[in-house]
């Protein structure tokens, strides 16, 4: 177990703070069936990305207006399916222990969906929250993480990002942040299975996170 000193913590949402796996698999499974898309390939690509990017990838023959209509409907369906959404074990307690000025959320979900999922998992939006509406390029582009650092007023090298998806891990690394992978993903500087073994302390020098393991 190792400790890490940083100035701020930035979280992804789905799969990192919130377990929405059942809903996501259900909605995108229906999409795959309707459009004859290979489900394994779809999940390998879509995790951590904006819905519109996934629709563009798997429905290349449609014009962009049609793709946006499908993406909007997928997200409308997800808004109605909150049953079974829970926190990643220990996430709420760890999240609530952080000073408001030192925490941010960067998610590929639209704002309303992110708000509902966070509430369902027992968490509120931090003061700095970057959703799909706030960026021109979604993950794996680092734009969202760079925007969060700017709003926090902290250099990206002094931030740790908690992520779980390949696209998000790539975005966080490209931004220059230290990366903690939550779950079985690869490519981070540190990892955790969940938050139950983590502790965090805060003082004028920043945040000290304890309970991490190596990559």
C-alpha atoms as a PDB file:
ATOM      1  CA  UNK A   1       0.000   0.000   0.000  1.00  0.00           C
ATOM      2  CA  UNK A   2       1.254   3.466  -0.859  1.00  0.00           C
ATOM      3  CA  UNK A   3       0.291   7.074  -0.145  1.00  0.00           C
ATOM      4  CA  UNK A   4       0.020   9.937  -2.620  1.00  0.00           C
ATOM      5  CA  UNK A   5       0.086  13.691  -2.042  1.00  0.00           C
ATOM      6  CA  UNK A   6      -1.850  15.886  -4.486  1.00  0.00           C
ATOM      7  CA  UNK A   7      -3.622  19.225  -4.639  1.00  0.00           C
ATOM      8  CA  UNK A   8      -6.960  17.961  -5.996  1.00  0.00           C
ATOM      9  CA  UNK A   9      -8.857  14.827  -7.026  1.00  0.00           C
ATOM     10  CA  UNK A  10     -10.911  14.517 -10.217  1.00  0.00           C
ATOM     11  CA  UNK A  11     -13.329  11.634 -10.740  1.00  0.00           C
ATOM     12  CA  UNK A  12     -14.933   9.994 -13.704  1.00  0.00           C
ATOM     13  CA  UNK A  13     -18.492   8.873 -12.875  1.00  0.00           C
ATOM     14  CA  UNK A  14     -19.803   5.631 -14.434  1.00  0.00           C
ATOM     15  CA  UNK A  15     -17.726   2.683 -13.290  1.00  0.00           C
ATOM     16  CA  UNK A  16     -15.596   4.936 -11.095  1.00  0.00           C
ATOM     17  CA  UNK A  17     -17.988   6.445  -8.535  1.00  0.00           C
ATOM     18  CA  UNK A  18     -21.280   4.977  -9.740  1.00  0.00           C
ATOM     19  CA  UNK A  19     -22.075   1.392 -10.735  1.00  0.00           C
ATOM     20  CA  UNK A  20     -24.542   1.766 -13.601  1.00  0.00           C
ATOM     21  CA  UNK A  21     -23.481  -1.403 -15.412  1.00  0.00           C
ATOM     22  CA  UNK A  22     -26.922  -3.004 -15.515  1.00  0.00           C
ATOM     23  CA  UNK A  23     -28.638   0.023 -17.032  1.00  0.00           C
ATOM     24  CA  UNK A  24     -25.875   0.673 -19.553  1.00  0.00           C
ATOM     25  CA  UNK A  25     -25.803  -2.937 -20.723  1.00  0.00           C
ATOM     26  CA  UNK A  26     -29.572  -3.001 -21.057  1.00  0.00           C
ATOM     27  CA  UNK A  27     -29.880   0.215 -23.088  1.00  0.00           C
ATOM     28  CA  UNK A  28     -26.917  -0.447 -25.346  1.00  0.00           C
ATOM     29  CA  UNK A  29     -27.877  -4.091 -25.721  1.00  0.00           C
ATOM     30  CA  UNK A  30     -31.203  -2.961 -27.157  1.00  0.00           C
ATOM     31  CA  UNK A  31     -29.360  -0.580 -29.492  1.00  0.00           C
ATOM     32  CA  UNK A  32     -27.078  -3.387 -30.691  1.00  0.00           C
ATOM     33  CA  UNK A  33     -30.021  -5.672 -31.371  1.00  0.00           C
ATOM     34  CA  UNK A  34     -31.934  -3.005 -33.295  1.00  0.00           C
ATOM     35  CA  UNK A  35     -29.010  -2.131 -35.532  1.00  0.00           C
ATOM     36  CA  UNK A  36     -27.281  -5.492 -35.893  1.00  0.00           C
ATOM     37  CA  UNK A  37     -24.169  -4.392 -34.011  1.00  0.00           C
ATOM     38  CA  UNK A  38     -21.793  -6.852 -32.367  1.00  0.00           C
ATOM     39  CA  UNK A  39     -22.339  -6.345 -28.654  1.00  0.00           C
ATOM     40  CA  UNK A  40     -18.837  -7.339 -27.527  1.00  0.00           C
ATOM     41  CA  UNK A  41     -17.243  -4.920 -29.974  1.00  0.00           C
ATOM     42  CA  UNK A  42     -19.684  -2.190 -28.978  1.00  0.00           C
ATOM     43  CA  UNK A  43     -18.922  -2.474 -25.254  1.00  0.00           C
ATOM     44  CA  UNK A  44     -15.189  -2.597 -25.924  1.00  0.00           C
ATOM     45  CA  UNK A  45     -15.435   0.747 -27.735  1.00  0.00           C
ATOM     46  CA  UNK A  46     -18.203   2.586 -25.897  1.00  0.00           C
ATOM     47  CA  UNK A  47     -17.082   2.399 -22.276  1.00  0.00           C
ATOM     48  CA  UNK A  48     -16.172   5.878 -21.074  1.00  0.00           C
ATOM     49  CA  UNK A  49     -17.100   7.632 -24.307  1.00  0.00           C
ATOM     50  CA  UNK A  50     -19.927   9.983 -25.182  1.00  0.00           C
ATOM     51  CA  UNK A  51     -22.976   8.270 -26.663  1.00  0.00           C
ATOM     52  CA  UNK A  52     -22.758  10.226 -29.916  1.00  0.00           C
ATOM     53  CA  UNK A  53     -19.205   8.989 -30.520  1.00  0.00           C
ATOM     54  CA  UNK A  54     -20.361   5.383 -30.173  1.00  0.00           C
ATOM     55  CA  UNK A  55     -23.332   5.920 -32.485  1.00  0.00           C
ATOM     56  CA  UNK A  56     -21.035   7.506 -35.077  1.00  0.00           C
ATOM     57  CA  UNK A  57     -18.634   4.574 -34.829  1.00  0.00           C
ATOM     58  CA  UNK A  58     -21.247   1.858 -35.348  1.00  0.00           C
ATOM     59  CA  UNK A  59     -23.715   3.628 -37.676  1.00  0.00           C
ATOM     60  CA  UNK A  60     -21.360   5.230 -40.203  1.00  0.00           C
ATOM     61  CA  UNK A  61     -23.907   5.247 -43.032  1.00  0.00           C
ATOM     62  CA  UNK A  62     -26.301   7.628 -41.280  1.00  0.00           C
ATOM     63  CA  UNK A  63     -26.023  11.395 -41.480  1.00  0.00           C
ATOM     64  CA  UNK A  64     -25.115  13.223 -38.299  1.00  0.00           C
ATOM     65  CA  UNK A  65     -28.636  14.516 -37.663  1.00  0.00           C
ATOM     66  CA  UNK A  66     -29.926  10.934 -37.587  1.00  0.00           C
ATOM     67  CA  UNK A  67     -27.068   9.871 -35.321  1.00  0.00           C
ATOM     68  CA  UNK A  68     -27.814  12.695 -32.882  1.00  0.00           C
ATOM     69  CA  UNK A  69     -31.488  11.688 -32.811  1.00  0.00           C
ATOM     70  CA  UNK A  70     -30.510   8.111 -31.898  1.00  0.00           C
ATOM     71  CA  UNK A  71     -27.998   9.310 -29.293  1.00  0.00           C
ATOM     72  CA  UNK A  72     -30.578  11.616 -27.704  1.00  0.00           C
ATOM     73  CA  UNK A  73     -33.093   8.768 -27.514  1.00  0.00           C
ATOM     74  CA  UNK A  74     -30.570   6.440 -25.905  1.00  0.00           C
ATOM     75  CA  UNK A  75     -29.851   9.012 -23.235  1.00  0.00           C
ATOM     76  CA  UNK A  76     -33.557   9.685 -22.719  1.00  0.00           C
ATOM     77  CA  UNK A  77     -34.022   5.948 -22.138  1.00  0.00           C
ATOM     78  CA  UNK A  78     -31.202   5.955 -19.584  1.00  0.00           C
ATOM     79  CA  UNK A  79     -32.847   8.820 -17.675  1.00  0.00           C
ATOM     80  CA  UNK A  80     -35.832   6.574 -16.984  1.00  0.00           C
ATOM     81  CA  UNK A  81     -33.773   3.624 -15.737  1.00  0.00           C
ATOM     82  CA  UNK A  82     -32.237   4.340 -12.364  1.00  0.00           C
ATOM     83  CA  UNK A  83     -33.154   1.145 -10.537  1.00  0.00           C
ATOM     84  CA  UNK A  84     -30.056  -0.748  -9.475  1.00  0.00           C
ATOM     85  CA  UNK A  85     -27.677   2.204  -9.710  1.00  0.00           C
ATOM     86  CA  UNK A  86     -25.440   2.233  -6.629  1.00  0.00           C
ATOM     87  CA  UNK A  87     -22.101   3.591  -5.510  1.00  0.00           C
ATOM     88  CA  UNK A  88     -18.880   1.743  -6.155  1.00  0.00           C
ATOM     89  CA  UNK A  89     -18.215   0.286  -2.648  1.00  0.00           C
ATOM     90  CA  UNK A  90     -16.915   2.996  -0.331  1.00  0.00           C
ATOM     91  CA  UNK A  91     -17.133   5.739  -2.963  1.00  0.00           C
ATOM     92  CA  UNK A  92     -19.670   7.960  -1.216  1.00  0.00           C
ATOM     93  CA  UNK A  93     -17.768   8.087   2.083  1.00  0.00           C
ATOM     94  CA  UNK A  94     -14.463   8.814   0.322  1.00  0.00           C
ATOM     95  CA  UNK A  95     -16.082  11.415  -1.946  1.00  0.00           C
ATOM     96  CA  UNK A  96     -17.802  13.211   0.937  1.00  0.00           C
ATOM     97  CA  UNK A  97     -14.547  13.373   2.910  1.00  0.00           C
ATOM     98  CA  UNK A  98     -12.985  15.668   0.302  1.00  0.00           C
ATOM     99  CA  UNK A  99     -12.944  19.483   0.629  1.00  0.00           C
ATOM    100  CA  UNK A 100     -15.302  21.023  -1.929  1.00  0.00           C
ATOM    101  CA  UNK A 101     -12.547  23.225  -3.344  1.00  0.00           C
ATOM    102  CA  UNK A 102     -10.329  20.236  -4.146  1.00  0.00           C
ATOM    103  CA  UNK A 103     -12.654  17.886  -6.019  1.00  0.00           C
ATOM    104  CA  UNK A 104     -14.163  17.752  -9.517  1.00  0.00           C
ATOM    105  CA  UNK A 105     -16.192  15.404 -11.720  1.00  0.00           C
ATOM    106  CA  UNK A 106     -15.523  14.821 -15.441  1.00  0.00           C
ATOM    107  CA  UNK A 107     -18.070  12.572 -17.135  1.00  0.00           C
ATOM    108  CA  UNK A 108     -19.019  11.669 -20.698  1.00  0.00           C
ATOM    109  CA  UNK A 109     -22.677  11.668 -19.643  1.00  0.00           C
ATOM    110  CA  UNK A 110     -24.947  14.680 -20.211  1.00  0.00           C
ATOM    111  CA  UNK A 111     -25.601  16.839 -17.146  1.00  0.00           C
ATOM    112  CA  UNK A 112     -29.131  15.677 -16.325  1.00  0.00           C
ATOM    113  CA  UNK A 113     -28.226  11.997 -16.562  1.00  0.00           C
ATOM    114  CA  UNK A 114     -25.099  12.507 -14.484  1.00  0.00           C
ATOM    115  CA  UNK A 115     -27.080  14.382 -11.833  1.00  0.00           C
ATOM    116  CA  UNK A 116     -29.656  11.608 -11.541  1.00  0.00           C
ATOM    117  CA  UNK A 117     -27.067   8.850 -11.349  1.00  0.00           C
ATOM    118  CA  UNK A 118     -25.009  10.654  -8.734  1.00  0.00           C
ATOM    119  CA  UNK A 119     -28.138  11.254  -6.649  1.00  0.00           C
ATOM    120  CA  UNK A 120     -29.178   7.610  -7.026  1.00  0.00           C
ATOM    121  CA  UNK A 121     -25.757   6.587  -5.683  1.00  0.00           C
ATOM    122  CA  UNK A 122     -25.953   8.995  -2.722  1.00  0.00           C
ATOM    123  CA  UNK A 123     -23.638  11.719  -4.024  1.00  0.00           C
ATOM    124  CA  UNK A 124     -24.067  15.330  -5.136  1.00  0.00           C
ATOM    125  CA  UNK A 125     -22.325  17.210  -7.914  1.00  0.00           C
ATOM    126  CA  UNK A 126     -19.080  18.860  -6.809  1.00  0.00           C
ATOM    127  CA  UNK A 127     -18.727  22.581  -7.488  1.00  0.00           C
ATOM    128  CA  UNK A 128     -16.580  21.783 -10.522  1.00  0.00           C
ATOM    129  CA  UNK A 129     -18.406  19.370 -12.827  1.00  0.00           C
ATOM    130  CA  UNK A 130     -17.616  18.884 -16.526  1.00  0.00           C
ATOM    131  CA  UNK A 131     -20.257  16.977 -18.516  1.00  0.00           C
ATOM    132  CA  UNK A 132     -20.669  16.190 -22.214  1.00  0.00           C
ATOM    133  CA  UNK A 133     -22.262  19.583 -22.869  1.00  0.00           C
ATOM    134  CA  UNK A 134     -19.137  21.370 -21.623  1.00  0.00           C
ATOM    135  CA  UNK A 135     -16.612  20.000 -24.133  1.00  0.00           C
ATOM    136  CA  UNK A 136     -16.226  19.938 -27.884  1.00  0.00           C
ATOM    137  CA  UNK A 137     -14.280  16.650 -27.876  1.00  0.00           C
ATOM    138  CA  UNK A 138     -15.051  13.784 -25.516  1.00  0.00           C
ATOM    139  CA  UNK A 139     -12.725  11.210 -24.000  1.00  0.00           C
ATOM    140  CA  UNK A 140     -10.099  10.009 -24.962  1.00  0.00           C
ATOM    141  CA  UNK A 141      -9.458  13.685 -25.722  1.00  0.00           C
ATOM    142  CA  UNK A 142      -8.134  15.312 -22.500  1.00  0.00           C
ATOM    143  CA  UNK A 143     -10.249  18.456 -22.899  1.00  0.00           C
ATOM    144  CA  UNK A 144     -12.563  17.672 -19.980  1.00  0.00           C
ATOM    145  CA  UNK A 145      -9.731  16.984 -17.556  1.00  0.00           C
ATOM    146  CA  UNK A 146      -7.849  20.097 -18.625  1.00  0.00           C
ATOM    147  CA  UNK A 147     -11.012  22.157 -18.113  1.00  0.00           C
ATOM    148  CA  UNK A 148     -11.474  20.736 -14.615  1.00  0.00           C
ATOM    149  CA  UNK A 149      -7.887  21.595 -13.680  1.00  0.00           C
ATOM    150  CA  UNK A 150      -8.357  25.139 -14.934  1.00  0.00           C
ATOM    151  CA  UNK A 151     -11.549  25.611 -12.918  1.00  0.00           C
ATOM    152  CA  UNK A 152      -9.920  24.158  -9.808  1.00  0.00           C
ATOM    153  CA  UNK A 153      -6.969  26.494 -10.296  1.00  0.00           C
ATOM    154  CA  UNK A 154      -4.520  23.613  -9.937  1.00  0.00           C
ATOM    155  CA  UNK A 155      -1.739  22.507 -12.251  1.00  0.00           C
ATOM    156  CA  UNK A 156      -2.617  19.224 -13.946  1.00  0.00           C
ATOM    157  CA  UNK A 157       0.570  17.604 -12.636  1.00  0.00           C
ATOM    158  CA  UNK A 158      -0.765  18.110  -9.096  1.00  0.00           C
ATOM    159  CA  UNK A 159      -4.076  16.336  -9.754  1.00  0.00           C
ATOM    160  CA  UNK A 160      -4.956  12.672  -9.424  1.00  0.00           C
ATOM    161  CA  UNK A 161      -7.707  11.297 -11.654  1.00  0.00           C
ATOM    162  CA  UNK A 162      -9.767   8.251 -10.682  1.00  0.00           C
ATOM    163  CA  UNK A 163     -10.873   6.429 -13.850  1.00  0.00           C
ATOM    164  CA  UNK A 164     -11.968   2.980 -14.982  1.00  0.00           C
ATOM    165  CA  UNK A 165     -12.439   2.999 -18.769  1.00  0.00           C
ATOM    166  CA  UNK A 166      -9.735   2.844 -21.455  1.00  0.00           C
ATOM    167  CA  UNK A 167     -10.923   6.074 -23.099  1.00  0.00           C
ATOM    168  CA  UNK A 168     -10.975   7.897 -19.771  1.00  0.00           C
ATOM    169  CA  UNK A 169      -7.611   6.541 -18.657  1.00  0.00           C
ATOM    170  CA  UNK A 170      -6.114   7.702 -21.956  1.00  0.00           C
ATOM    171  CA  UNK A 171      -7.702  11.147 -21.532  1.00  0.00           C
ATOM    172  CA  UNK A 172      -6.402  11.531 -17.996  1.00  0.00           C
ATOM    173  CA  UNK A 173      -2.895  10.448 -18.941  1.00  0.00           C
ATOM    174  CA  UNK A 174      -2.872  12.807 -21.925  1.00  0.00           C
ATOM    175  CA  UNK A 175      -3.825  15.669 -19.634  1.00  0.00           C
ATOM    176  CA  UNK A 176      -0.716  15.123 -17.513  1.00  0.00           C
ATOM    177  CA  UNK A 177      -2.499  13.945 -14.372  1.00  0.00           C
ATOM    178  CA  UNK A 178      -1.581  11.023 -12.143  1.00  0.00           C
ATOM    179  CA  UNK A 179      -4.086   8.220 -12.782  1.00  0.00           C
ATOM    180  CA  UNK A 180      -5.652   5.761 -10.338  1.00  0.00           C
ATOM    181  CA  UNK A 181      -7.487   2.949 -12.109  1.00  0.00           C
ATOM    182  CA  UNK A 182     -10.626   1.739 -10.336  1.00  0.00           C
ATOM    183  CA  UNK A 183     -11.283  -1.939 -11.044  1.00  0.00           C
ATOM    184  CA  UNK A 184      -9.558  -4.230 -13.545  1.00  0.00           C
ATOM    185  CA  UNK A 185      -8.479  -1.661 -16.150  1.00  0.00           C
ATOM    186  CA  UNK A 186      -4.856  -1.058 -17.110  1.00  0.00           C
ATOM    187  CA  UNK A 187      -2.706   1.946 -17.877  1.00  0.00           C
ATOM    188  CA  UNK A 188      -2.709   3.849 -14.600  1.00  0.00           C
ATOM    189  CA  UNK A 189      -0.038   4.835 -12.124  1.00  0.00           C
ATOM    190  CA  UNK A 190      -1.928   3.259  -9.207  1.00  0.00           C
ATOM    191  CA  UNK A 191      -5.011   1.104  -8.776  1.00  0.00           C
ATOM    192  CA  UNK A 192      -7.800   0.200  -6.359  1.00  0.00           C
ATOM    193  CA  UNK A 193     -10.549  -2.393  -6.483  1.00  0.00           C
ATOM    194  CA  UNK A 194     -12.888   0.080  -4.781  1.00  0.00           C
ATOM    195  CA  UNK A 195     -12.690   2.796  -2.111  1.00  0.00           C
ATOM    196  CA  UNK A 196     -13.141   0.809   1.089  1.00  0.00           C
ATOM    197  CA  UNK A 197      -9.423   0.637   1.877  1.00  0.00           C
ATOM    198  CA  UNK A 198      -8.727   4.282   1.009  1.00  0.00           C
ATOM    199  CA  UNK A 199      -8.383   7.187   3.421  1.00  0.00           C
ATOM    200  CA  UNK A 200      -7.780  10.846   2.709  1.00  0.00           C
ATOM    201  CA  UNK A 201      -6.538  13.686   4.890  1.00  0.00           C
ATOM    202  CA  UNK A 202      -6.485  17.378   4.060  1.00  0.00           C
ATOM    203  CA  UNK A 203      -4.306  20.254   5.233  1.00  0.00           C
ATOM    204  CA  UNK A 204      -2.867  23.487   3.838  1.00  0.00           C
ATOM    205  CA  UNK A 205      -0.346  21.483   1.802  1.00  0.00           C
ATOM    206  CA  UNK A 206      -3.043  19.519  -0.034  1.00  0.00           C
ATOM    207  CA  UNK A 207      -4.506  16.033   0.111  1.00  0.00           C
ATOM    208  CA  UNK A 208      -2.871  12.787   1.190  1.00  0.00           C
ATOM    209  CA  UNK A 209      -4.489   9.620  -0.167  1.00  0.00           C
ATOM    210  CA  UNK A 210      -3.525   6.350   1.520  1.00  0.00           C
ATOM    211  CA  UNK A 211      -4.323   2.750   0.602  1.00  0.00           C
ATOM    212  CA  UNK A 212      -3.363   2.730  -3.075  1.00  0.00           C
ATOM    213  CA  UNK A 213      -1.529  -0.122  -4.762  1.00  0.00           C
ATOM    214  CA  UNK A 214       0.874  -0.106  -7.695  1.00  0.00           C
ATOM    215  CA  UNK A 215      -0.228  -0.538 -11.285  1.00  0.00           C
END
